[in-house]
Each structure stands twice: as C-alpha cells, then as structure tokens.
C-alpha cells in the first residue's frame, strides 16, 4: 500500500503482470512464476504454522489458507490500485485480512 501510494498507483506486481500476459505456449515462464508463488506461500505458511505451534494462533488456524489469503489480497490489491488509481479498496481488504488473523490469535493468560 505504501509502495502503491509512492508511485501514484501506476504500477502493479511485475509477476502478476507477467502471469496475466502468459499464453498457453509459455509453460516455462508459467513454471517459474509458480515456483516463486510456491516459495512465497511456503514462507508465509511456515510463519503461521510456527505461530500456531507456539500457541499464538487458535487450533482452527489454517496456515496454508492464511498464506493463500495474504498472497491473494496482495496480488489483487496491487491490480485494483492500479486500475482505480487509489488505495482505499486495497487498504480495506488488507484490514479485513488483518482482522481475520487477529481473531485467530490466542489470548495469553
């Protein structure tokens, strides 16, 4: 969001742009993009799994689902801000994701 504001919402994620422009003959590029998103997903999912194992997140927390949520909000948010030329939608979506994660946090006693 800060980045998008700094560039007046004129850019989107380079990887999302590449992915959007893929055709059925560009399987190697598609594979490279999948590898990057898989790497990003694994980092986020590991973070949430560690938080869950430490008792900081409820047992209902789904680390893989949370990773999917964040990647999707980020990718969609970058695209929407470029189209709309404003960040409000991205900000609201990011806040909703944060609210969801906060609701999964276990209260220390």
PDB file of N, CA and C in Angstrom:
ATOM      1  N   UNK A   1       0.837  -1.189   0.000  1.00  0.00           N
ATOM      2  CA  UNK A   1       0.000   0.000   0.000  1.00  0.00           C
ATOM      3  C   UNK A   1       0.874   1.243   0.000  1.00  0.00           C
ATOM      4  N   UNK A   2       1.906   1.235   0.841  1.00  0.00           N
ATOM      5  CA  UNK A   2       2.828   2.371   0.881  1.00  0.00           C
ATOM      6  C   UNK A   2       3.527   2.513  -0.469  1.00  0.00           C
ATOM      7  N   UNK A   3       3.945   1.378  -1.041  1.00  0.00           N
ATOM      8  CA  UNK A   3       4.585   1.425  -2.356  1.00  0.00           C
ATOM      9  C   UNK A   3       3.635   1.999  -3.395  1.00  0.00           C
ATOM     10  N   UNK A   4       2.405   1.503  -3.412  1.00  0.00           N
ATOM     11  CA  UNK A   4       1.451   1.991  -4.409  1.00  0.00           C
ATOM     12  C   UNK A   4       1.222   3.489  -4.267  1.00  0.00           C
ATOM     13  N   UNK A   5       1.133   3.964  -3.041  1.00  0.00           N
ATOM     14  CA  UNK A   5       0.985   5.405  -2.835  1.00  0.00           C
ATOM     15  C   UNK A   5       2.208   6.153  -3.358  1.00  0.00           C
ATOM     16  N   UNK A   6       3.394   5.577  -3.166  1.00  0.00           N
ATOM     17  CA  UNK A   6       4.628   6.254  -3.580  1.00  0.00           C
ATOM     18  C   UNK A   6       4.758   6.376  -5.097  1.00  0.00           C
ATOM     19  N   UNK A   7       4.074   5.505  -5.823  1.00  0.00           N
ATOM     20  CA  UNK A   7       4.126   5.561  -7.292  1.00  0.00           C
ATOM     21  C   UNK A   7       2.789   5.997  -7.892  1.00  0.00           C
ATOM     22  N   UNK A   8       1.979   6.643  -7.077  1.00  0.00           N
ATOM     23  CA  UNK A   8       0.672   7.158  -7.506  1.00  0.00           C
ATOM     24  C   UNK A   8      -0.204   6.063  -8.130  1.00  0.00           C
ATOM     25  N   UNK A   9      -0.067   4.861  -7.614  1.00  0.00           N
ATOM     26  CA  UNK A   9      -0.884   3.715  -8.058  1.00  0.00           C
ATOM     27  C   UNK A   9      -0.751   3.442  -9.555  1.00  0.00           C
ATOM     28  N   UNK A  10       0.424   3.653 -10.097  1.00  0.00           N
ATOM     29  CA  UNK A  10       0.634   3.452 -11.529  1.00  0.00           C
ATOM     30  C   UNK A  10       1.228   2.086 -11.867  1.00  0.00           C
ATOM     31  N   UNK A  11       1.554   1.305 -10.865  1.00  0.00           N
ATOM     32  CA  UNK A  11       2.186   0.005 -11.133  1.00  0.00           C
ATOM     33  C   UNK A  11       1.380  -1.119 -10.499  1.00  0.00           C
ATOM     34  N   UNK A  12       1.605  -2.299 -11.004  1.00  0.00           N
ATOM     35  CA  UNK A  12       1.074  -3.495 -10.376  1.00  0.00           C
ATOM     36  C   UNK A  12       2.243  -4.437 -10.154  1.00  0.00           C
ATOM     37  N   UNK A  13       1.981  -5.580  -9.592  1.00  0.00           N
ATOM     38  CA  UNK A  13       3.054  -6.530  -9.324  1.00  0.00           C
ATOM     39  C   UNK A  13       3.644  -7.015 -10.650  1.00  0.00           C
ATOM     40  N   UNK A  14       4.952  -6.919 -10.812  1.00  0.00           N
ATOM     41  CA  UNK A  14       5.562  -7.395 -12.068  1.00  0.00           C
ATOM     42  C   UNK A  14       5.258  -8.864 -12.346  1.00  0.00           C
ATOM     43  N   UNK A  15       5.238  -9.685 -11.305  1.00  0.00           N
ATOM     44  CA  UNK A  15       4.956 -11.103 -11.516  1.00  0.00           C
ATOM     45  C   UNK A  15       3.500 -11.320 -11.916  1.00  0.00           C
ATOM     46  N   UNK A  16       2.600 -10.550 -11.321  1.00  0.00           N
ATOM     47  CA  UNK A  16       1.199 -10.627 -11.716  1.00  0.00           C
ATOM     48  C   UNK A  16       1.002 -10.185 -13.152  1.00  0.00           C
ATOM     49  N   UNK A  17       1.727  -9.148 -13.552  1.00  0.00           N
ATOM     50  CA  UNK A  17       1.641  -8.657 -14.927  1.00  0.00           C
ATOM     51  C   UNK A  17       2.145  -9.714 -15.900  1.00  0.00           C
ATOM     52  N   UNK A  18       3.268 -10.324 -15.577  1.00  0.00           N
ATOM     53  CA  UNK A  18       3.805 -11.394 -16.430  1.00  0.00           C
ATOM     54  C   UNK A  18       2.806 -12.542 -16.508  1.00  0.00           C
ATOM     55  N   UNK A  19       2.269 -12.928 -15.355  1.00  0.00           N
ATOM     56  CA  UNK A  19       1.303 -14.024 -15.322  1.00  0.00           C
ATOM     57  C   UNK A  19       0.064 -13.718 -16.141  1.00  0.00           C
ATOM     58  N   UNK A  20      -0.397 -12.507 -16.066  1.00  0.00           N
ATOM     59  CA  UNK A  20      -1.587 -12.116 -16.813  1.00  0.00           C
ATOM     60  C   UNK A  20      -1.355 -12.177 -18.320  1.00  0.00           C
ATOM     61  N   UNK A  21      -0.134 -11.918 -18.744  1.00  0.00           N
ATOM     62  CA  UNK A  21       0.172 -11.883 -20.174  1.00  0.00           C
ATOM     63  C   UNK A  21       0.591 -13.240 -20.742  1.00  0.00           C
ATOM     64  N   UNK A  22       0.613 -14.281 -19.918  1.00  0.00           N
ATOM     65  CA  UNK A  22       1.027 -15.607 -20.406  1.00  0.00           C
ATOM     66  C   UNK A  22       0.037 -16.163 -21.416  1.00  0.00           C
ATOM     67  N   UNK A  23       0.588 -16.888 -22.365  1.00  0.00           N
ATOM     68  CA  UNK A  23      -0.279 -17.649 -23.256  1.00  0.00           C
ATOM     69  C   UNK A  23       0.016 -19.131 -23.055  1.00  0.00           C
ATOM     70  N   UNK A  24      -0.753 -19.978 -23.718  1.00  0.00           N
ATOM     71  CA  UNK A  24      -0.638 -21.425 -23.491  1.00  0.00           C
ATOM     72  C   UNK A  24       0.709 -22.013 -23.928  1.00  0.00           C
ATOM     73  N   UNK A  25       1.499 -21.277 -24.672  1.00  0.00           N
ATOM     74  CA  UNK A  25       2.784 -21.784 -25.158  1.00  0.00           C
ATOM     75  C   UNK A  25       3.955 -21.399 -24.246  1.00  0.00           C
ATOM     76  N   UNK A  26       3.698 -20.646 -23.213  1.00  0.00           N
ATOM     77  CA  UNK A  26       4.779 -20.147 -22.350  1.00  0.00           C
ATOM     78  C   UNK A  26       4.849 -20.919 -21.037  1.00  0.00           C
ATOM     79  N   UNK A  27       4.923 -22.220 -21.141  1.00  0.00           N
ATOM     80  CA  UNK A  27       4.881 -23.084 -19.966  1.00  0.00           C
ATOM     81  C   UNK A  27       6.108 -22.904 -19.059  1.00  0.00           C
ATOM     82  N   UNK A  28       7.259 -22.607 -19.617  1.00  0.00           N
ATOM     83  CA  UNK A  28       8.460 -22.414 -18.788  1.00  0.00           C
ATOM     84  C   UNK A  28       8.312 -21.174 -17.901  1.00  0.00           C
ATOM     85  N   UNK A  29       7.793 -20.105 -18.469  1.00  0.00           N
ATOM     86  CA  UNK A  29       7.571 -18.889 -17.668  1.00  0.00           C
ATOM     87  C   UNK A  29       6.504 -19.167 -16.612  1.00  0.00           C
ATOM     88  N   UNK A  30       5.452 -19.876 -16.983  1.00  0.00           N
ATOM     89  CA  UNK A  30       4.397 -20.237 -16.037  1.00  0.00           C
ATOM     90  C   UNK A  30       4.985 -21.041 -14.879  1.00  0.00           C
ATOM     91  N   UNK A  31       5.879 -21.965 -15.197  1.00  0.00           N
ATOM     92  CA  UNK A  31       6.527 -22.780 -14.168  1.00  0.00           C
ATOM     93  C   UNK A  31       7.368 -21.901 -13.243  1.00  0.00           C
ATOM     94  N   UNK A  32       8.100 -20.964 -13.801  1.00  0.00           N
ATOM     95  CA  UNK A  32       8.908 -20.063 -12.972  1.00  0.00           C
ATOM     96  C   UNK A  32       8.042 -19.233 -12.029  1.00  0.00           C
ATOM     97  N   UNK A  33       6.931 -18.733 -12.532  1.00  0.00           N
ATOM     98  CA  UNK A  33       6.019 -17.970 -11.689  1.00  0.00           C
ATOM     99  C   UNK A  33       5.426 -18.843 -10.591  1.00  0.00           C
ATOM    100  N   UNK A  34       5.051 -20.061 -10.943  1.00  0.00           N
ATOM    101  CA  UNK A  34       4.533 -20.988  -9.927  1.00  0.00           C
ATOM    102  C   UNK A  34       5.573 -21.244  -8.853  1.00  0.00           C
ATOM    103  N   UNK A  35       6.827 -21.382  -9.253  1.00  0.00           N
ATOM    104  CA  UNK A  35       7.892 -21.602  -8.271  1.00  0.00           C
ATOM    105  C   UNK A  35       8.031 -20.423  -7.317  1.00  0.00           C
ATOM    106  N   UNK A  36       7.958 -19.197  -7.847  1.00  0.00           N
ATOM    107  CA  UNK A  36       8.056 -18.038  -6.974  1.00  0.00           C
ATOM    108  C   UNK A  36       6.884 -17.995  -6.010  1.00  0.00           C
ATOM    109  N   UNK A  37       5.662 -18.156  -6.526  1.00  0.00           N
ATOM    110  CA  UNK A  37       4.498 -18.088  -5.650  1.00  0.00           C
ATOM    111  C   UNK A  37       4.490 -19.247  -4.656  1.00  0.00           C
ATOM    112  N   UNK A  38       4.983 -20.389  -5.059  1.00  0.00           N
ATOM    113  CA  UNK A  38       5.109 -21.515  -4.133  1.00  0.00           C
ATOM    114  C   UNK A  38       6.097 -21.185  -3.015  1.00  0.00           C
ATOM    115  N   UNK A  39       7.204 -20.568  -3.376  1.00  0.00           N
ATOM    116  CA  UNK A  39       8.191 -20.152  -2.376  1.00  0.00           C
ATOM    117  C   UNK A  39       7.579 -19.142  -1.397  1.00  0.00           C
ATOM    118  N   UNK A  40       6.897 -18.130  -1.923  1.00  0.00           N
ATOM    119  CA  UNK A  40       6.277 -17.114  -1.072  1.00  0.00           C
ATOM    120  C   UNK A  40       5.224 -17.759  -0.171  1.00  0.00           C
ATOM    121  N   UNK A  41       4.426 -18.643  -0.739  1.00  0.00           N
ATOM    122  CA  UNK A  41       3.403 -19.345   0.038  1.00  0.00           C
ATOM    123  C   UNK A  41       4.043 -20.141   1.165  1.00  0.00           C
ATOM    124  N   UNK A  42       5.117 -20.866   0.851  1.00  0.00           N
ATOM    125  CA  UNK A  42       5.743 -21.705   1.880  1.00  0.00           C
ATOM    126  C   UNK A  42       6.312 -20.875   3.017  1.00  0.00           C
ATOM    127  N   UNK A  43       6.868 -19.715   2.713  1.00  0.00           N
ATOM    128  CA  UNK A  43       7.401 -18.836   3.760  1.00  0.00           C
ATOM    129  C   UNK A  43       6.279 -18.358   4.678  1.00  0.00           C
ATOM    130  N   UNK A  44       5.180 -17.898   4.091  1.00  0.00           N
ATOM    131  CA  UNK A  44       4.055 -17.435   4.890  1.00  0.00           C
ATOM    132  C   UNK A  44       3.417 -18.579   5.683  1.00  0.00           C
ATOM    133  N   UNK A  45       3.197 -19.714   5.035  1.00  0.00           N
ATOM    134  CA  UNK A  45       2.579 -20.853   5.715  1.00  0.00           C
ATOM    135  C   UNK A  45       3.460 -21.331   6.866  1.00  0.00           C
ATOM    136  N   UNK A  46       4.756 -21.343   6.673  1.00  0.00           N
ATOM    137  CA  UNK A  46       5.673 -21.749   7.749  1.00  0.00           C
ATOM    138  C   UNK A  46       5.565 -20.781   8.932  1.00  0.00           C
ATOM    139  N   UNK A  47       5.517 -19.480   8.635  1.00  0.00           N
ATOM    140  CA  UNK A  47       5.368 -18.489   9.695  1.00  0.00           C
ATOM    141  C   UNK A  47       4.111 -18.766  10.516  1.00  0.00           C
ATOM    142  N   UNK A  48       2.976 -18.953   9.825  1.00  0.00           N
ATOM    143  CA  UNK A  48       1.730 -19.201  10.547  1.00  0.00           C
ATOM    144  C   UNK A  48       1.740 -20.553  11.267  1.00  0.00           C
ATOM    145  N   UNK A  49       2.363 -21.561  10.679  1.00  0.00           N
ATOM    146  CA  UNK A  49       2.473 -22.861  11.353  1.00  0.00           C
ATOM    147  C   UNK A  49       3.300 -22.739  12.624  1.00  0.00           C
ATOM    148  N   UNK A  50       4.368 -21.969  12.565  1.00  0.00           N
ATOM    149  CA  UNK A  50       5.196 -21.752  13.754  1.00  0.00           C
ATOM    150  C   UNK A  50       4.419 -21.004  14.829  1.00  0.00           C
ATOM    151  N   UNK A  51       3.656 -20.003  14.430  1.00  0.00           N
ATOM    152  CA  UNK A  51       2.841 -19.250  15.399  1.00  0.00           C
ATOM    153  C   UNK A  51       1.780 -20.155  16.024  1.00  0.00           C
ATOM    154  N   UNK A  52       1.202 -21.041  15.216  1.00  0.00           N
ATOM    155  CA  UNK A  52       0.197 -21.977  15.712  1.00  0.00           C
ATOM    156  C   UNK A  52       0.841 -22.962  16.684  1.00  0.00           C
ATOM    157  N   UNK A  53       1.997 -23.492  16.321  1.00  0.00           N
ATOM    158  CA  UNK A  53       2.700 -24.442  17.187  1.00  0.00           C
ATOM    159  C   UNK A  53       3.120 -23.798  18.506  1.00  0.00           C
ATOM    160  N   UNK A  54       3.410 -22.514  18.481  1.00  0.00           N
ATOM    161  CA  UNK A  54       3.805 -21.793  19.694  1.00  0.00           C
ATOM    162  C   UNK A  54       2.597 -21.427  20.553  1.00  0.00           C
ATOM    163  N   UNK A  55       1.407 -21.768  20.076  1.00  0.00           N
ATOM    164  CA  UNK A  55       0.201 -21.472  20.833  1.00  0.00           C
ATOM    165  C   UNK A  55      -0.300 -20.052  20.675  1.00  0.00           C
ATOM    166  N   UNK A  56       0.236 -19.332  19.705  1.00  0.00           N
ATOM    167  CA  UNK A  56      -0.181 -17.951  19.494  1.00  0.00           C
ATOM    168  C   UNK A  56      -1.414 -17.836  18.602  1.00  0.00           C
ATOM    169  N   UNK A  57      -1.717 -18.886  17.848  1.00  0.00           N
ATOM    170  CA  UNK A  57      -2.902 -18.917  16.997  1.00  0.00           C
ATOM    171  C   UNK A  57      -3.782 -20.081  17.428  1.00  0.00           C
ATOM    172  N   UNK A  58      -5.080 -19.924  17.238  1.00  0.00           N
ATOM    173  CA  UNK A  58      -6.009 -20.981  17.624  1.00  0.00           C
ATOM    174  C   UNK A  58      -5.748 -22.235  16.800  1.00  0.00           C
ATOM    175  N   UNK A  59      -6.230 -23.352  17.312  1.00  0.00           N
ATOM    176  CA  UNK A  59      -6.058 -24.616  16.613  1.00  0.00           C
ATOM    177  C   UNK A  59      -6.835 -24.644  15.297  1.00  0.00           C
ATOM    178  N   UNK A  60      -7.821 -23.772  15.156  1.00  0.00           N
ATOM    179  CA  UNK A  60      -8.579 -23.728  13.902  1.00  0.00           C
ATOM    180  C   UNK A  60      -7.849 -22.970  12.802  1.00  0.00           C
ATOM    181  N   UNK A  61      -6.746 -22.297  13.138  1.00  0.00           N
ATOM    182  CA  UNK A  61      -5.986 -21.545  12.140  1.00  0.00           C
ATOM    183  C   UNK A  61      -5.427 -22.499  11.085  1.00  0.00           C
ATOM    184  N   UNK A  62      -5.559 -22.126   9.840  1.00  0.00           N
ATOM    185  CA  UNK A  62      -5.073 -22.930   8.710  1.00  0.00           C
ATOM    186  C   UNK A  62      -3.897 -22.193   8.072  1.00  0.00           C
ATOM    187  N   UNK A  63      -2.661 -22.589   8.395  1.00  0.00           N
ATOM    188  CA  UNK A  63      -1.501 -21.874   7.861  1.00  0.00           C
ATOM    189  C   UNK A  63      -1.481 -21.765   6.343  1.00  0.00           C
ATOM    190  N   UNK A  64      -1.848 -22.825   5.642  1.00  0.00           N
ATOM    191  CA  UNK A  64      -1.866 -22.771   4.174  1.00  0.00           C
ATOM    192  C   UNK A  64      -2.952 -21.825   3.677  1.00  0.00           C
ATOM    193  N   UNK A  65      -4.107 -21.873   4.291  1.00  0.00           N
ATOM    194  CA  UNK A  65      -5.191 -20.979   3.903  1.00  0.00           C
ATOM    195  C   UNK A  65      -4.855 -19.519   4.173  1.00  0.00           C
ATOM    196  N   UNK A  66      -4.178 -19.259   5.295  1.00  0.00           N
ATOM    197  CA  UNK A  66      -3.767 -17.885   5.607  1.00  0.00           C
ATOM    198  C   UNK A  66      -2.744 -17.379   4.596  1.00  0.00           C
ATOM    199  N   UNK A  67      -1.820 -18.252   4.211  1.00  0.00           N
ATOM    200  CA  UNK A  67      -0.833 -17.874   3.189  1.00  0.00           C
ATOM    201  C   UNK A  67      -1.537 -17.553   1.871  1.00  0.00           C
ATOM    202  N   UNK A  68      -2.501 -18.392   1.487  1.00  0.00           N
ATOM    203  CA  UNK A  68      -3.273 -18.133   0.264  1.00  0.00           C
ATOM    204  C   UNK A  68      -4.008 -16.802   0.361  1.00  0.00           C
ATOM    205  N   UNK A  69      -4.617 -16.539   1.501  1.00  0.00           N
ATOM    206  CA  UNK A  69      -5.355 -15.298   1.707  1.00  0.00           C
ATOM    207  C   UNK A  69      -4.453 -14.090   1.503  1.00  0.00           C
ATOM    208  N   UNK A  70      -3.288 -14.095   2.139  1.00  0.00           N
ATOM    209  CA  UNK A  70      -2.407 -12.938   2.050  1.00  0.00           C
ATOM    210  C   UNK A  70      -1.849 -12.731   0.653  1.00  0.00           C
ATOM    211  N   UNK A  71      -1.455 -13.796   0.000  1.00  0.00           N
ATOM    212  CA  UNK A  71      -0.940 -13.661  -1.367  1.00  0.00           C
ATOM    213  C   UNK A  71      -2.026 -13.124  -2.290  1.00  0.00           C
ATOM    214  N   UNK A  72      -3.234 -13.630  -2.130  1.00  0.00           N
ATOM    215  CA  UNK A  72      -4.341 -13.196  -2.985  1.00  0.00           C
ATOM    216  C   UNK A  72      -4.713 -11.742  -2.724  1.00  0.00           C
ATOM    217  N   UNK A  73      -4.737 -11.335  -1.459  1.00  0.00           N
ATOM    218  CA  UNK A  73      -5.036  -9.938  -1.138  1.00  0.00           C
ATOM    219  C   UNK A  73      -3.953  -9.029  -1.723  1.00  0.00           C
ATOM    220  N   UNK A  74      -2.700  -9.427  -1.601  1.00  0.00           N
ATOM    221  CA  UNK A  74      -1.615  -8.603  -2.131  1.00  0.00           C
ATOM    222  C   UNK A  74      -1.693  -8.493  -3.650  1.00  0.00           C
ATOM    223  N   UNK A  75      -1.859  -9.618  -4.327  1.00  0.00           N
ATOM    224  CA  UNK A  75      -1.909  -9.593  -5.787  1.00  0.00           C
ATOM    225  C   UNK A  75      -3.124  -8.816  -6.280  1.00  0.00           C
ATOM    226  N   UNK A  76      -4.276  -9.107  -5.715  1.00  0.00           N
ATOM    227  CA  UNK A  76      -5.486  -8.394  -6.111  1.00  0.00           C
ATOM    228  C   UNK A  76      -5.408  -6.919  -5.764  1.00  0.00           C
ATOM    229  N   UNK A  77      -4.844  -6.623  -4.600  1.00  0.00           N
ATOM    230  CA  UNK A  77      -4.724  -5.233  -4.178  1.00  0.00           C
ATOM    231  C   UNK A  77      -3.836  -4.423  -5.097  1.00  0.00           C
ATOM    232  N   UNK A  78      -2.752  -5.017  -5.536  1.00  0.00           N
ATOM    233  CA  UNK A  78      -1.868  -4.312  -6.465  1.00  0.00           C
ATOM    234  C   UNK A  78      -2.594  -4.005  -7.775  1.00  0.00           C
ATOM    235  N   UNK A  79      -3.330  -4.967  -8.284  1.00  0.00           N
ATOM    236  CA  UNK A  79      -4.050  -4.772  -9.537  1.00  0.00           C
ATOM    237  C   UNK A  79      -5.162  -3.729  -9.391  1.00  0.00           C
ATOM    238  N   UNK A  80      -5.956  -3.859  -8.338  1.00  0.00           N
ATOM    239  CA  UNK A  80      -7.076  -2.933  -8.145  1.00  0.00           C
ATOM    240  C   UNK A  80      -6.590  -1.502  -7.955  1.00  0.00           C
ATOM    241  N   UNK A  81      -5.492  -1.316  -7.204  1.00  0.00           N
ATOM    242  CA  UNK A  81      -4.997   0.049  -7.016  1.00  0.00           C
ATOM    243  C   UNK A  81      -4.523   0.648  -8.335  1.00  0.00           C
ATOM    244  N   UNK A  82      -3.944  -0.169  -9.192  1.00  0.00           N
ATOM    245  CA  UNK A  82      -3.513   0.349 -10.495  1.00  0.00           C
ATOM    246  C   UNK A  82      -4.723   0.757 -11.335  1.00  0.00           C
ATOM    247  N   UNK A  83      -5.758  -0.056 -11.299  1.00  0.00           N
ATOM    248  CA  UNK A  83      -6.957   0.243 -12.082  1.00  0.00           C
ATOM    249  C   UNK A  83      -7.689   1.461 -11.514  1.00  0.00           C
ATOM    250  N   UNK A  84      -7.866   1.482 -10.219  1.00  0.00           N
ATOM    251  CA  UNK A  84      -8.643   2.547  -9.570  1.00  0.00           C
ATOM    252  C   UNK A  84      -7.839   3.833  -9.353  1.00  0.00           C
ATOM    253  N   UNK A  85      -6.515   3.715  -9.335  1.00  0.00           N
ATOM    254  CA  UNK A  85      -5.625   4.846  -9.038  1.00  0.00           C
ATOM    255  C   UNK A  85      -5.861   5.398  -7.635  1.00  0.00           C
ATOM    256  N   UNK A  86      -6.222   4.486  -6.733  1.00  0.00           N
ATOM    257  CA  UNK A  86      -6.364   4.828  -5.321  1.00  0.00           C
ATOM    258  C   UNK A  86      -6.216   3.542  -4.510  1.00  0.00           C
ATOM    259  N   UNK A  87      -5.869   3.697  -3.242  1.00  0.00           N
ATOM    260  CA  UNK A  87      -5.539   2.531  -2.417  1.00  0.00           C
ATOM    261  C   UNK A  87      -6.634   2.114  -1.438  1.00  0.00           C
ATOM    262  N   UNK A  88      -7.730   2.803  -1.385  1.00  0.00           N
ATOM    263  CA  UNK A  88      -8.730   2.545  -0.351  1.00  0.00           C
ATOM    264  C   UNK A  88      -9.247   1.104  -0.357  1.00  0.00           C
ATOM    265  N   UNK A  89      -9.512   0.560  -1.528  1.00  0.00           N
ATOM    266  CA  UNK A  89     -10.014  -0.819  -1.597  1.00  0.00           C
ATOM    267  C   UNK A  89      -8.959  -1.789  -1.066  1.00  0.00           C
ATOM    268  N   UNK A  90      -7.719  -1.594  -1.468  1.00  0.00           N
ATOM    269  CA  UNK A  90      -6.612  -2.425  -1.003  1.00  0.00           C
ATOM    270  C   UNK A  90      -6.477  -2.293   0.515  1.00  0.00           C
ATOM    271  N   UNK A  91      -6.571  -1.087   1.015  1.00  0.00           N
ATOM    272  CA  UNK A  91      -6.447  -0.862   2.453  1.00  0.00           C
ATOM    273  C   UNK A  91      -7.556  -1.581   3.216  1.00  0.00           C
ATOM    274  N   UNK A  92      -8.781  -1.508   2.734  1.00  0.00           N
ATOM    275  CA  UNK A  92      -9.886  -2.188   3.419  1.00  0.00           C
ATOM    276  C   UNK A  92      -9.715  -3.703   3.380  1.00  0.00           C
ATOM    277  N   UNK A  93      -9.303  -4.231   2.234  1.00  0.00           N
ATOM    278  CA  UNK A  93      -9.101  -5.674   2.119  1.00  0.00           C
ATOM    279  C   UNK A  93      -7.969  -6.131   3.037  1.00  0.00           C
ATOM    280  N   UNK A  94      -6.880  -5.382   3.070  1.00  0.00           N
ATOM    281  CA  UNK A  94      -5.761  -5.728   3.950  1.00  0.00           C
ATOM    282  C   UNK A  94      -6.198  -5.666   5.410  1.00  0.00           C
ATOM    283  N   UNK A  95      -7.010  -4.687   5.773  1.00  0.00           N
ATOM    284  CA  UNK A  95      -7.503  -4.581   7.148  1.00  0.00           C
ATOM    285  C   UNK A  95      -8.395  -5.764   7.498  1.00  0.00           C
ATOM    286  N   UNK A  96      -9.210  -6.201   6.543  1.00  0.00           N
ATOM    287  CA  UNK A  96     -10.054  -7.371   6.788  1.00  0.00           C
ATOM    288  C   UNK A  96      -9.205  -8.631   7.000  1.00  0.00           C
ATOM    289  N   UNK A  97      -8.154  -8.775   6.213  1.00  0.00           N
ATOM    290  CA  UNK A  97      -7.251  -9.917   6.394  1.00  0.00           C
ATOM    291  C   UNK A  97      -6.589  -9.849   7.771  1.00  0.00           C
ATOM    292  N   UNK A  98      -6.134  -8.668   8.149  1.00  0.00           N
ATOM    293  CA  UNK A  98      -5.517  -8.482   9.462  1.00  0.00           C
ATOM    294  C   UNK A  98      -6.527  -8.777  10.574  1.00  0.00           C
ATOM    295  N   UNK A  99      -7.763  -8.303  10.439  1.00  0.00           N
ATOM    296  CA  UNK A  99      -8.798  -8.591  11.435  1.00  0.00           C
ATOM    297  C   UNK A  99      -9.005 -10.092  11.585  1.00  0.00           C
ATOM    298  N   UNK A 100      -9.032 -10.789  10.451  1.00  0.00           N
ATOM    299  CA  UNK A 100      -9.216 -12.240  10.490  1.00  0.00           C
ATOM    300  C   UNK A 100      -8.070 -12.909  11.257  1.00  0.00           C
ATOM    301  N   UNK A 101      -6.867 -12.507  10.962  1.00  0.00           N
ATOM    302  CA  UNK A 101      -5.707 -13.100  11.650  1.00  0.00           C
ATOM    303  C   UNK A 101      -5.747 -12.753  13.134  1.00  0.00           C
ATOM    304  N   UNK A 102      -6.100 -11.521  13.469  1.00  0.00           N
ATOM    305  CA  UNK A 102      -6.186 -11.137  14.880  1.00  0.00           C
ATOM    306  C   UNK A 102      -7.252 -11.949  15.605  1.00  0.00           C
ATOM    307  N   UNK A 103      -8.339 -12.281  14.922  1.00  0.00           N
ATOM    308  CA  UNK A 103      -9.372 -13.107  15.532  1.00  0.00           C
ATOM    309  C   UNK A 103      -8.892 -14.536  15.783  1.00  0.00           C
ATOM    310  N   UNK A 104      -7.866 -14.960  15.077  1.00  0.00           N
ATOM    311  CA  UNK A 104      -7.295 -16.296  15.270  1.00  0.00           C
ATOM    312  C   UNK A 104      -6.243 -16.333  16.378  1.00  0.00           C
ATOM    313  N   UNK A 105      -5.830 -15.159  16.837  1.00  0.00           N
ATOM    314  CA  UNK A 105      -4.803 -15.104  17.891  1.00  0.00           C
ATOM    315  C   UNK A 105      -5.384 -15.596  19.199  1.00  0.00           C
ATOM    316  N   UNK A 106      -4.576 -16.330  19.936  1.00  0.00           N
ATOM    317  CA  UNK A 106      -4.977 -16.798  21.253  1.00  0.00           C
ATOM    318  C   UNK A 106      -4.543 -15.765  22.265  1.00  0.00           C
ATOM    319  N   UNK A 107      -5.396 -15.493  23.201  1.00  0.00           N
ATOM    320  CA  UNK A 107      -5.109 -14.524  24.242  1.00  0.00           C
ATOM    321  C   UNK A 107      -4.247 -15.185  25.310  1.00  0.00           C
ATOM    322  N   UNK A 108      -3.132 -14.546  25.636  1.00  0.00           N
ATOM    323  CA  UNK A 108      -2.246 -15.061  26.697  1.00  0.00           C
ATOM    324  C   UNK A 108      -2.887 -14.798  28.041  1.00  0.00           C
ATOM    325  N   UNK A 109      -2.790 -15.786  28.913  1.00  0.00           N
ATOM    326  CA  UNK A 109      -3.351 -15.621  30.269  1.00  0.00           C
ATOM    327  C   UNK A 109      -2.335 -15.939  31.306  1.00  0.00           C
TER     328      UNK A 109
END
